[in-house]
PDB file of all heavy atoms in Angstrom:
ATOM      1  N   PHE A   1      31.585 -25.544 -15.598  1.00  0.00           N
ATOM      2  CA  PHE A   1      31.493 -26.504 -16.687  1.00  0.00           C
ATOM      3  C   PHE A   1      32.810 -26.715 -17.451  1.00  0.00           C
ATOM      4  O   PHE A   1      32.887 -27.622 -18.228  1.00  0.00           O
ATOM      5  CB  PHE A   1      30.318 -26.181 -17.688  1.00  0.00           C
ATOM      6  CG  PHE A   1      30.457 -24.844 -18.328  1.00  0.00           C
ATOM      7  CD1 PHE A   1      31.193 -24.812 -19.455  1.00  0.00           C
ATOM      8  CD2 PHE A   1      29.977 -23.699 -17.729  1.00  0.00           C
ATOM      9  CE1 PHE A   1      31.425 -23.493 -20.106  1.00  0.00           C
ATOM     10  CE2 PHE A   1      30.108 -22.440 -18.416  1.00  0.00           C
ATOM     11  CZ  PHE A   1      30.836 -22.390 -19.656  1.00  0.00           C
ATOM     12  N   LEU A   2      33.736 -25.782 -17.269  1.00  0.00           N
ATOM     13  CA  LEU A   2      34.977 -25.959 -17.948  1.00  0.00           C
ATOM     14  C   LEU A   2      36.113 -26.017 -16.893  1.00  0.00           C
ATOM     15  O   LEU A   2      36.466 -25.034 -16.148  1.00  0.00           O
ATOM     16  CB  LEU A   2      35.236 -24.668 -18.934  1.00  0.00           C
ATOM     17  CG  LEU A   2      36.659 -24.796 -19.569  1.00  0.00           C
ATOM     18  CD1 LEU A   2      36.756 -25.994 -20.495  1.00  0.00           C
ATOM     19  CD2 LEU A   2      36.783 -23.476 -20.358  1.00  0.00           C
ATOM     20  N   LYS A   3      36.655 -27.144 -16.715  1.00  0.00           N
ATOM     21  CA  LYS A   3      37.765 -27.403 -15.798  1.00  0.00           C
ATOM     22  C   LYS A   3      39.080 -27.271 -16.408  1.00  0.00           C
ATOM     23  O   LYS A   3      39.319 -27.783 -17.445  1.00  0.00           O
ATOM     24  CB  LYS A   3      37.552 -28.765 -15.003  1.00  0.00           C
ATOM     25  CG  LYS A   3      36.273 -28.892 -14.304  1.00  0.00           C
ATOM     26  CD  LYS A   3      36.066 -27.932 -13.183  1.00  0.00           C
ATOM     27  CE  LYS A   3      34.809 -28.181 -12.429  1.00  0.00           C
ATOM     28  NZ  LYS A   3      34.642 -27.220 -11.408  1.00  0.00           N
ATOM     29  N   GLU A   4      40.044 -26.648 -15.655  1.00  0.00           N
ATOM     30  CA  GLU A   4      41.412 -26.560 -16.158  1.00  0.00           C
ATOM     31  C   GLU A   4      42.409 -27.070 -15.143  1.00  0.00           C
ATOM     32  O   GLU A   4      42.232 -27.024 -13.898  1.00  0.00           O
ATOM     33  CB  GLU A   4      41.745 -25.086 -16.551  1.00  0.00           C
ATOM     34  CG  GLU A   4      40.913 -24.555 -17.682  1.00  0.00           C
ATOM     35  CD  GLU A   4      41.263 -22.936 -17.880  1.00  0.00           C
ATOM     36  OE1 GLU A   4      41.640 -22.383 -17.083  1.00  0.00           O
ATOM     37  OE2 GLU A   4      41.267 -22.675 -19.166  1.00  0.00           O
ATOM     38  N   ILE A   5      43.459 -27.691 -15.646  1.00  0.00           N
ATOM     39  CA  ILE A   5      44.479 -28.309 -14.862  1.00  0.00           C
ATOM     40  C   ILE A   5      45.719 -27.446 -14.848  1.00  0.00           C
ATOM     41  O   ILE A   5      46.233 -27.182 -15.983  1.00  0.00           O
ATOM     42  CB  ILE A   5      44.820 -29.759 -15.296  1.00  0.00           C
ATOM     43  CG1 ILE A   5      43.542 -30.549 -15.571  1.00  0.00           C
ATOM     44  CG2 ILE A   5      45.761 -30.406 -14.317  1.00  0.00           C
ATOM     45  CD1 ILE A   5      42.834 -30.849 -14.307  1.00  0.00           C
ATOM     46  N   PRO A   6      46.245 -27.023 -13.721  1.00  0.00           N
ATOM     47  CA  PRO A   6      47.456 -26.306 -13.693  1.00  0.00           C
ATOM     48  C   PRO A   6      48.692 -27.073 -14.268  1.00  0.00           C
ATOM     49  O   PRO A   6      48.815 -28.264 -13.830  1.00  0.00           O
ATOM     50  CB  PRO A   6      47.657 -25.861 -12.269  1.00  0.00           C
ATOM     51  CG  PRO A   6      46.298 -25.881 -11.685  1.00  0.00           C
ATOM     52  CD  PRO A   6      45.607 -27.055 -12.505  1.00  0.00           C
ATOM     53  N   VAL A   7      49.524 -26.485 -15.089  1.00  0.00           N
ATOM     54  CA  VAL A   7      50.624 -27.246 -15.540  1.00  0.00           C
ATOM     55  C   VAL A   7      51.874 -26.185 -15.453  1.00  0.00           C
ATOM     56  O   VAL A   7      51.670 -25.060 -15.767  1.00  0.00           O
ATOM     57  CB  VAL A   7      50.509 -27.601 -17.047  1.00  0.00           C
ATOM     58  CG1 VAL A   7      51.748 -28.139 -17.605  1.00  0.00           C
ATOM     59  CG2 VAL A   7      49.329 -28.611 -17.192  1.00  0.00           C
ATOM     60  N   ARG A   8      53.076 -26.661 -15.144  1.00  0.00           N
ATOM     61  CA  ARG A   8      54.207 -25.776 -14.956  1.00  0.00           C
ATOM     62  C   ARG A   8      55.175 -26.296 -16.103  1.00  0.00           C
ATOM     63  O   ARG A   8      55.551 -27.451 -16.158  1.00  0.00           O
ATOM     64  CB  ARG A   8      54.823 -25.966 -13.533  1.00  0.00           C
ATOM     65  CG  ARG A   8      56.028 -25.045 -13.322  1.00  0.00           C
ATOM     66  CD  ARG A   8      56.266 -24.947 -11.847  1.00  0.00           C
ATOM     67  NE  ARG A   8      55.303 -24.047 -11.276  1.00  0.00           N
ATOM     68  CZ  ARG A   8      55.415 -23.741  -9.964  1.00  0.00           C
ATOM     69  NH1 ARG A   8      56.331 -24.167  -9.174  1.00  0.00           N
ATOM     70  NH2 ARG A   8      54.410 -22.922  -9.411  1.00  0.00           N
ATOM     71  N   ILE A   9      55.636 -25.309 -16.887  1.00  0.00           N
ATOM     72  CA  ILE A   9      56.655 -25.565 -17.979  1.00  0.00           C
ATOM     73  C   ILE A   9      57.989 -24.903 -17.536  1.00  0.00           C
ATOM     74  O   ILE A   9      57.943 -23.685 -17.333  1.00  0.00           O
ATOM     75  CB  ILE A   9      56.183 -24.930 -19.340  1.00  0.00           C
ATOM     76  CG1 ILE A   9      54.625 -25.344 -19.520  1.00  0.00           C
ATOM     77  CG2 ILE A   9      57.084 -25.407 -20.478  1.00  0.00           C
ATOM     78  CD1 ILE A   9      54.472 -26.800 -19.808  1.00  0.00           C
ATOM     79  N   LYS A  10      59.036 -25.669 -17.630  1.00  0.00           N
ATOM     80  CA  LYS A  10      60.299 -25.086 -17.268  1.00  0.00           C
ATOM     81  C   LYS A  10      61.058 -24.697 -18.576  1.00  0.00           C
ATOM     82  O   LYS A  10      61.123 -25.454 -19.477  1.00  0.00           O
ATOM     83  CB  LYS A  10      61.248 -26.080 -16.456  1.00  0.00           C
ATOM     84  CG  LYS A  10      62.477 -25.461 -15.823  1.00  0.00           C
ATOM     85  CD  LYS A  10      63.156 -26.542 -15.000  1.00  0.00           C
ATOM     86  CE  LYS A  10      64.341 -25.875 -14.234  1.00  0.00           C
ATOM     87  NZ  LYS A  10      65.169 -25.063 -15.002  1.00  0.00           N
ATOM     88  N   LEU A  11      61.623 -23.492 -18.525  1.00  0.00           N
ATOM     89  CA  LEU A  11      62.444 -23.073 -19.658  1.00  0.00           C
ATOM     90  C   LEU A  11      63.767 -23.741 -19.763  1.00  0.00           C
ATOM     91  O   LEU A  11      64.479 -23.686 -18.732  1.00  0.00           O
ATOM     92  CB  LEU A  11      62.545 -21.510 -19.730  1.00  0.00           C
ATOM     93  CG  LEU A  11      61.406 -20.797 -20.224  1.00  0.00           C
ATOM     94  CD1 LEU A  11      60.202 -20.793 -19.405  1.00  0.00           C
ATOM     95  CD2 LEU A  11      61.882 -19.231 -20.328  1.00  0.00           C
ATOM     96  N   ASP A  12      64.077 -24.393 -20.900  1.00  0.00           N
ATOM     97  CA  ASP A  12      65.373 -25.026 -20.968  1.00  0.00           C
ATOM     98  C   ASP A  12      66.488 -24.051 -21.476  1.00  0.00           C
ATOM     99  O   ASP A  12      67.721 -24.454 -21.495  1.00  0.00           O
ATOM    100  CB  ASP A  12      65.327 -26.141 -21.947  1.00  0.00           C
ATOM    101  CG  ASP A  12      64.525 -27.248 -21.372  1.00  0.00           C
ATOM    102  OD1 ASP A  12      64.373 -27.367 -20.149  1.00  0.00           O
ATOM    103  OD2 ASP A  12      63.926 -28.196 -22.065  1.00  0.00           O
ATOM    104  N   GLN A  13      66.057 -22.915 -21.991  1.00  0.00           N
ATOM    105  CA  GLN A  13      67.086 -21.964 -22.572  1.00  0.00           C
ATOM    106  C   GLN A  13      66.562 -20.599 -22.235  1.00  0.00           C
ATOM    107  O   GLN A  13      65.440 -20.180 -22.304  1.00  0.00           O
ATOM    108  CB  GLN A  13      66.988 -22.097 -24.130  1.00  0.00           C
ATOM    109  CG  GLN A  13      68.057 -21.176 -24.869  1.00  0.00           C
ATOM    110  CD  GLN A  13      67.917 -21.391 -26.334  1.00  0.00           C
ATOM    111  OE1 GLN A  13      67.963 -22.487 -26.802  1.00  0.00           O
ATOM    112  NE2 GLN A  13      67.671 -20.397 -27.128  1.00  0.00           N
ATOM    113  N   MET A  14      67.524 -19.775 -21.821  1.00  0.00           N
ATOM    114  CA  MET A  14      67.191 -18.395 -21.458  1.00  0.00           C
ATOM    115  C   MET A  14      67.551 -17.312 -22.559  1.00  0.00           C
ATOM    116  O   MET A  14      68.315 -17.641 -23.443  1.00  0.00           O
ATOM    117  CB  MET A  14      67.866 -17.950 -20.158  1.00  0.00           C
ATOM    118  CG  MET A  14      67.375 -18.767 -18.954  1.00  0.00           C
ATOM    119  SD  MET A  14      65.658 -18.674 -18.743  1.00  0.00           S
ATOM    120  CE  MET A  14      65.496 -16.880 -18.395  1.00  0.00           C
ATOM    121  N   ASP A  15      66.878 -16.209 -22.563  1.00  0.00           N
ATOM    122  CA  ASP A  15      67.095 -15.104 -23.427  1.00  0.00           C
ATOM    123  C   ASP A  15      66.998 -13.892 -22.585  1.00  0.00           C
ATOM    124  O   ASP A  15      66.181 -13.781 -21.733  1.00  0.00           O
ATOM    125  CB  ASP A  15      66.042 -15.134 -24.552  1.00  0.00           C
ATOM    126  CG  ASP A  15      66.250 -14.152 -25.598  1.00  0.00           C
ATOM    127  OD1 ASP A  15      65.969 -12.960 -25.416  1.00  0.00           O
ATOM    128  OD2 ASP A  15      66.812 -14.422 -26.709  1.00  0.00           O
ATOM    129  N   PRO A  16      67.881 -12.834 -22.956  1.00  0.00           N
ATOM    130  CA  PRO A  16      67.832 -11.696 -22.113  1.00  0.00           C
ATOM    131  C   PRO A  16      66.575 -10.966 -22.133  1.00  0.00           C
ATOM    132  O   PRO A  16      66.282 -10.118 -21.335  1.00  0.00           O
ATOM    133  CB  PRO A  16      69.085 -10.772 -22.725  1.00  0.00           C
ATOM    134  CG  PRO A  16      69.383 -11.494 -24.034  1.00  0.00           C
ATOM    135  CD  PRO A  16      69.019 -12.944 -23.919  1.00  0.00           C
ATOM    136  N   ARG A  17      65.792 -11.134 -23.158  1.00  0.00           N
ATOM    137  CA  ARG A  17      64.417 -10.507 -23.297  1.00  0.00           C
ATOM    138  C   ARG A  17      63.349 -11.081 -22.379  1.00  0.00           C
ATOM    139  O   ARG A  17      62.337 -10.505 -22.132  1.00  0.00           O
ATOM    140  CB  ARG A  17      63.870 -10.479 -24.701  1.00  0.00           C
ATOM    141  CG  ARG A  17      64.731  -9.670 -25.633  1.00  0.00           C
ATOM    142  CD  ARG A  17      64.367 -10.013 -27.088  1.00  0.00           C
ATOM    143  NE  ARG A  17      64.825 -11.283 -27.511  1.00  0.00           N
ATOM    144  CZ  ARG A  17      64.743 -11.816 -28.757  1.00  0.00           C
ATOM    145  NH1 ARG A  17      64.143 -11.038 -29.756  1.00  0.00           N
ATOM    146  NH2 ARG A  17      65.226 -12.998 -29.092  1.00  0.00           N
ATOM    147  N   VAL A  18      63.672 -12.332 -21.860  1.00  0.00           N
ATOM    148  CA  VAL A  18      62.637 -12.993 -21.014  1.00  0.00           C
ATOM    149  C   VAL A  18      62.735 -12.494 -19.585  1.00  0.00           C
ATOM    150  O   VAL A  18      63.786 -12.629 -18.879  1.00  0.00           O
ATOM    151  CB  VAL A  18      62.907 -14.519 -21.025  1.00  0.00           C
ATOM    152  CG1 VAL A  18      61.985 -15.250 -20.105  1.00  0.00           C
ATOM    153  CG2 VAL A  18      62.789 -15.046 -22.427  1.00  0.00           C
ATOM    154  N   ILE A  19      61.725 -11.942 -19.182  1.00  0.00           N
ATOM    155  CA  ILE A  19      61.649 -11.405 -17.857  1.00  0.00           C
ATOM    156  C   ILE A  19      60.300 -11.903 -17.106  1.00  0.00           C
ATOM    157  O   ILE A  19      59.398 -12.338 -17.862  1.00  0.00           O
ATOM    158  CB  ILE A  19      61.579  -9.844 -17.756  1.00  0.00           C
ATOM    159  CG1 ILE A  19      60.393  -9.338 -18.548  1.00  0.00           C
ATOM    160  CG2 ILE A  19      62.881  -9.284 -18.199  1.00  0.00           C
ATOM    161  CD1 ILE A  19      60.228  -7.774 -18.444  1.00  0.00           C
ATOM    162  N   PRO A  20      60.267 -11.866 -15.829  1.00  0.00           N
ATOM    163  CA  PRO A  20      59.032 -12.370 -15.146  1.00  0.00           C
ATOM    164  C   PRO A  20      57.767 -11.547 -15.541  1.00  0.00           C
ATOM    165  O   PRO A  20      57.890 -10.385 -15.725  1.00  0.00           O
ATOM    166  CB  PRO A  20      59.397 -12.292 -13.586  1.00  0.00           C
ATOM    167  CG  PRO A  20      60.900 -12.317 -13.594  1.00  0.00           C
ATOM    168  CD  PRO A  20      61.290 -11.613 -14.873  1.00  0.00           C
ATOM    169  N   GLY A  21      56.661 -12.258 -15.555  1.00  0.00           N
ATOM    170  CA  GLY A  21      55.375 -11.542 -15.860  1.00  0.00           C
ATOM    171  C   GLY A  21      54.904 -11.421 -17.230  1.00  0.00           C
ATOM    172  O   GLY A  21      53.824 -10.920 -17.472  1.00  0.00           O
ATOM    173  N   LEU A  22      55.793 -11.892 -18.175  1.00  0.00           N
ATOM    174  CA  LEU A  22      55.324 -11.732 -19.632  1.00  0.00           C
ATOM    175  C   LEU A  22      54.275 -12.781 -19.825  1.00  0.00           C
ATOM    176  O   LEU A  22      54.189 -13.919 -19.362  1.00  0.00           O
ATOM    177  CB  LEU A  22      56.595 -12.082 -20.562  1.00  0.00           C
ATOM    178  CG  LEU A  22      57.759 -11.071 -20.555  1.00  0.00           C
ATOM    179  CD1 LEU A  22      58.768 -11.489 -21.433  1.00  0.00           C
ATOM    180  CD2 LEU A  22      57.172  -9.718 -20.945  1.00  0.00           C
ATOM    181  N   SER A  23      53.337 -12.413 -20.762  1.00  0.00           N
ATOM    182  CA  SER A  23      52.216 -13.415 -21.227  1.00  0.00           C
ATOM    183  C   SER A  23      52.829 -14.204 -22.299  1.00  0.00           C
ATOM    184  O   SER A  23      53.610 -13.746 -23.279  1.00  0.00           O
ATOM    185  CB  SER A  23      51.061 -12.638 -21.715  1.00  0.00           C
ATOM    186  OG  SER A  23      51.370 -11.740 -22.790  1.00  0.00           O
ATOM    187  N   VAL A  24      52.491 -15.508 -22.388  1.00  0.00           N
ATOM    188  CA  VAL A  24      53.108 -16.482 -23.273  1.00  0.00           C
ATOM    189  C   VAL A  24      52.056 -17.381 -23.766  1.00  0.00           C
ATOM    190  O   VAL A  24      50.956 -17.477 -23.327  1.00  0.00           O
ATOM    191  CB  VAL A  24      54.254 -17.308 -22.668  1.00  0.00           C
ATOM    192  CG1 VAL A  24      55.405 -16.348 -22.163  1.00  0.00           C
ATOM    193  CG2 VAL A  24      53.704 -18.131 -21.566  1.00  0.00           C
ATOM    194  N   SER A  25      52.401 -18.111 -24.876  1.00  0.00           N
ATOM    195  CA  SER A  25      51.619 -19.255 -25.282  1.00  0.00           C
ATOM    196  C   SER A  25      52.634 -20.463 -25.387  1.00  0.00           C
ATOM    197  O   SER A  25      53.744 -20.299 -25.629  1.00  0.00           O
ATOM    198  CB  SER A  25      50.987 -19.041 -26.767  1.00  0.00           C
ATOM    199  OG  SER A  25      51.991 -18.843 -27.625  1.00  0.00           O
ATOM    200  N   VAL A  26      52.114 -21.700 -25.161  1.00  0.00           N
ATOM    201  CA  VAL A  26      52.960 -22.859 -25.055  1.00  0.00           C
ATOM    202  C   VAL A  26      52.410 -23.902 -25.961  1.00  0.00           C
ATOM    203  O   VAL A  26      51.168 -24.291 -25.839  1.00  0.00           O
ATOM    204  CB  VAL A  26      53.038 -23.316 -23.579  1.00  0.00           C
ATOM    205  CG1 VAL A  26      53.924 -24.615 -23.456  1.00  0.00           C
ATOM    206  CG2 VAL A  26      53.640 -22.277 -22.683  1.00  0.00           C
ATOM    207  N   ASP A  27      53.245 -24.489 -26.750  1.00  0.00           N
ATOM    208  CA  ASP A  27      52.815 -25.714 -27.539  1.00  0.00           C
ATOM    209  C   ASP A  27      53.629 -26.865 -26.916  1.00  0.00           C
ATOM    210  O   ASP A  27      54.837 -26.862 -26.819  1.00  0.00           O
ATOM    211  CB  ASP A  27      53.315 -25.615 -28.910  1.00  0.00           C
ATOM    212  CG  ASP A  27      52.497 -24.577 -29.704  1.00  0.00           C
ATOM    213  OD1 ASP A  27      51.357 -24.438 -29.464  1.00  0.00           O
ATOM    214  OD2 ASP A  27      53.139 -23.772 -30.435  1.00  0.00           O
ATOM    215  N   VAL A  28      52.856 -27.841 -26.329  1.00  0.00           N
ATOM    216  CA  VAL A  28      53.514 -29.021 -25.791  1.00  0.00           C
ATOM    217  C   VAL A  28      53.563 -30.110 -26.911  1.00  0.00           C
ATOM    218  O   VAL A  28      52.467 -30.363 -27.436  1.00  0.00           O
ATOM    219  CB  VAL A  28      52.726 -29.638 -24.578  1.00  0.00           C
ATOM    220  CG1 VAL A  28      53.286 -30.878 -24.074  1.00  0.00           C
ATOM    221  CG2 VAL A  28      52.801 -28.551 -23.471  1.00  0.00           C
ATOM    222  N   ILE A  29      54.754 -30.721 -27.157  1.00  0.00           N
ATOM    223  CA  ILE A  29      54.885 -31.650 -28.162  1.00  0.00           C
ATOM    224  C   ILE A  29      54.502 -33.021 -27.680  1.00  0.00           C
ATOM    225  O   ILE A  29      55.321 -33.670 -26.863  1.00  0.00           O
ATOM    226  CB  ILE A  29      56.302 -31.672 -28.657  1.00  0.00           C
ATOM    227  CG1 ILE A  29      56.627 -30.201 -29.308  1.00  0.00           C
ATOM    228  CG2 ILE A  29      56.517 -32.762 -29.835  1.00  0.00           C
ATOM    229  CD1 ILE A  29      58.004 -29.975 -29.642  1.00  0.00           C
ATOM    230  N   VAL A  30      53.365 -33.597 -27.926  1.00  0.00           N
ATOM    231  CA  VAL A  30      52.896 -34.835 -27.470  1.00  0.00           C
ATOM    232  C   VAL A  30      53.400 -36.030 -28.280  1.00  0.00           C
ATOM    233  O   VAL A  30      53.421 -37.222 -27.882  1.00  0.00           O
ATOM    234  CB  VAL A  30      51.372 -34.992 -27.289  1.00  0.00           C
ATOM    235  CG1 VAL A  30      50.999 -33.889 -26.240  1.00  0.00           C
ATOM    236  CG2 VAL A  30      50.696 -34.659 -28.673  1.00  0.00           C
ATOM    237  N   GLU A  31      53.702 -35.749 -29.654  1.00  0.00           N
ATOM    238  CA  GLU A  31      54.174 -36.714 -30.510  1.00  0.00           C
ATOM    239  C   GLU A  31      55.004 -36.064 -31.667  1.00  0.00           C
ATOM    240  O   GLU A  31      54.564 -35.003 -32.132  1.00  0.00           O
ATOM    241  CB  GLU A  31      53.105 -37.562 -31.085  1.00  0.00           C
ATOM    242  CG  GLU A  31      53.427 -38.853 -31.724  1.00  0.00           C
ATOM    243  CD  GLU A  31      52.227 -39.667 -32.105  1.00  0.00           C
ATOM    244  OE1 GLU A  31      51.164 -39.140 -31.987  1.00  0.00           O
ATOM    245  OE2 GLU A  31      52.329 -40.758 -32.724  1.00  0.00           O
ATOM    246  N   GLU A  32      56.103 -36.683 -32.103  1.00  0.00           N
ATOM    247  CA  GLU A  32      56.775 -36.154 -33.159  1.00  0.00           C
ATOM    248  C   GLU A  32      57.586 -37.113 -33.969  1.00  0.00           C
ATOM    249  O   GLU A  32      57.785 -38.230 -33.487  1.00  0.00           O
ATOM    250  CB  GLU A  32      57.735 -34.980 -32.720  1.00  0.00           C
ATOM    251  CG  GLU A  32      58.883 -35.558 -31.795  1.00  0.00           C
ATOM    252  CD  GLU A  32      59.872 -34.397 -31.383  1.00  0.00           C
ATOM    253  OE1 GLU A  32      59.872 -33.440 -32.063  1.00  0.00           O
ATOM    254  OE2 GLU A  32      60.570 -34.636 -30.404  1.00  0.00           O
ATOM    255  N   GLU A  33      57.863 -36.876 -35.176  1.00  0.00           N
ATOM    256  CA  GLU A  33      58.685 -37.764 -36.083  1.00  0.00           C
ATOM    257  C   GLU A  33      59.316 -37.026 -37.168  1.00  0.00           C
ATOM    258  O   GLU A  33      58.906 -35.932 -37.480  1.00  0.00           O
ATOM    259  CB  GLU A  33      57.902 -38.876 -36.611  1.00  0.00           C
ATOM    260  CG  GLU A  33      56.872 -38.500 -37.701  1.00  0.00           C
ATOM    261  CD  GLU A  33      56.184 -39.630 -38.349  1.00  0.00           C
ATOM    262  OE1 GLU A  33      56.870 -40.643 -38.703  1.00  0.00           O
ATOM    263  OE2 GLU A  33      54.989 -39.611 -38.630  1.00  0.00           O
ATOM    264  N   GLU A  34      60.449 -37.562 -37.598  1.00  0.00           N
ATOM    265  CA  GLU A  34      61.066 -36.937 -38.880  1.00  0.00           C
ATOM    266  C   GLU A  34      60.370 -37.527 -40.100  1.00  0.00           C
ATOM    267  O   GLU A  34      60.100 -38.649 -40.198  1.00  0.00           O
ATOM    268  CB  GLU A  34      62.524 -37.321 -38.855  1.00  0.00           C
ATOM    269  CG  GLU A  34      63.337 -36.765 -37.803  1.00  0.00           C
ATOM    270  CD  GLU A  34      63.517 -35.202 -37.884  1.00  0.00           C
ATOM    271  OE1 GLU A  34      63.451 -34.781 -39.046  1.00  0.00           O
ATOM    272  OE2 GLU A  34      63.638 -34.529 -36.876  1.00  0.00           O
TER     273      GLU A  34
END
């Protein structure tokens, strides 16, 4: 009853602490303004 769509997010900036396998949360910006 709950369907999920796979999405792939590419990192635009790297950090030495970022290694494969870490758990993350992602905020996708669908709309923004100043």
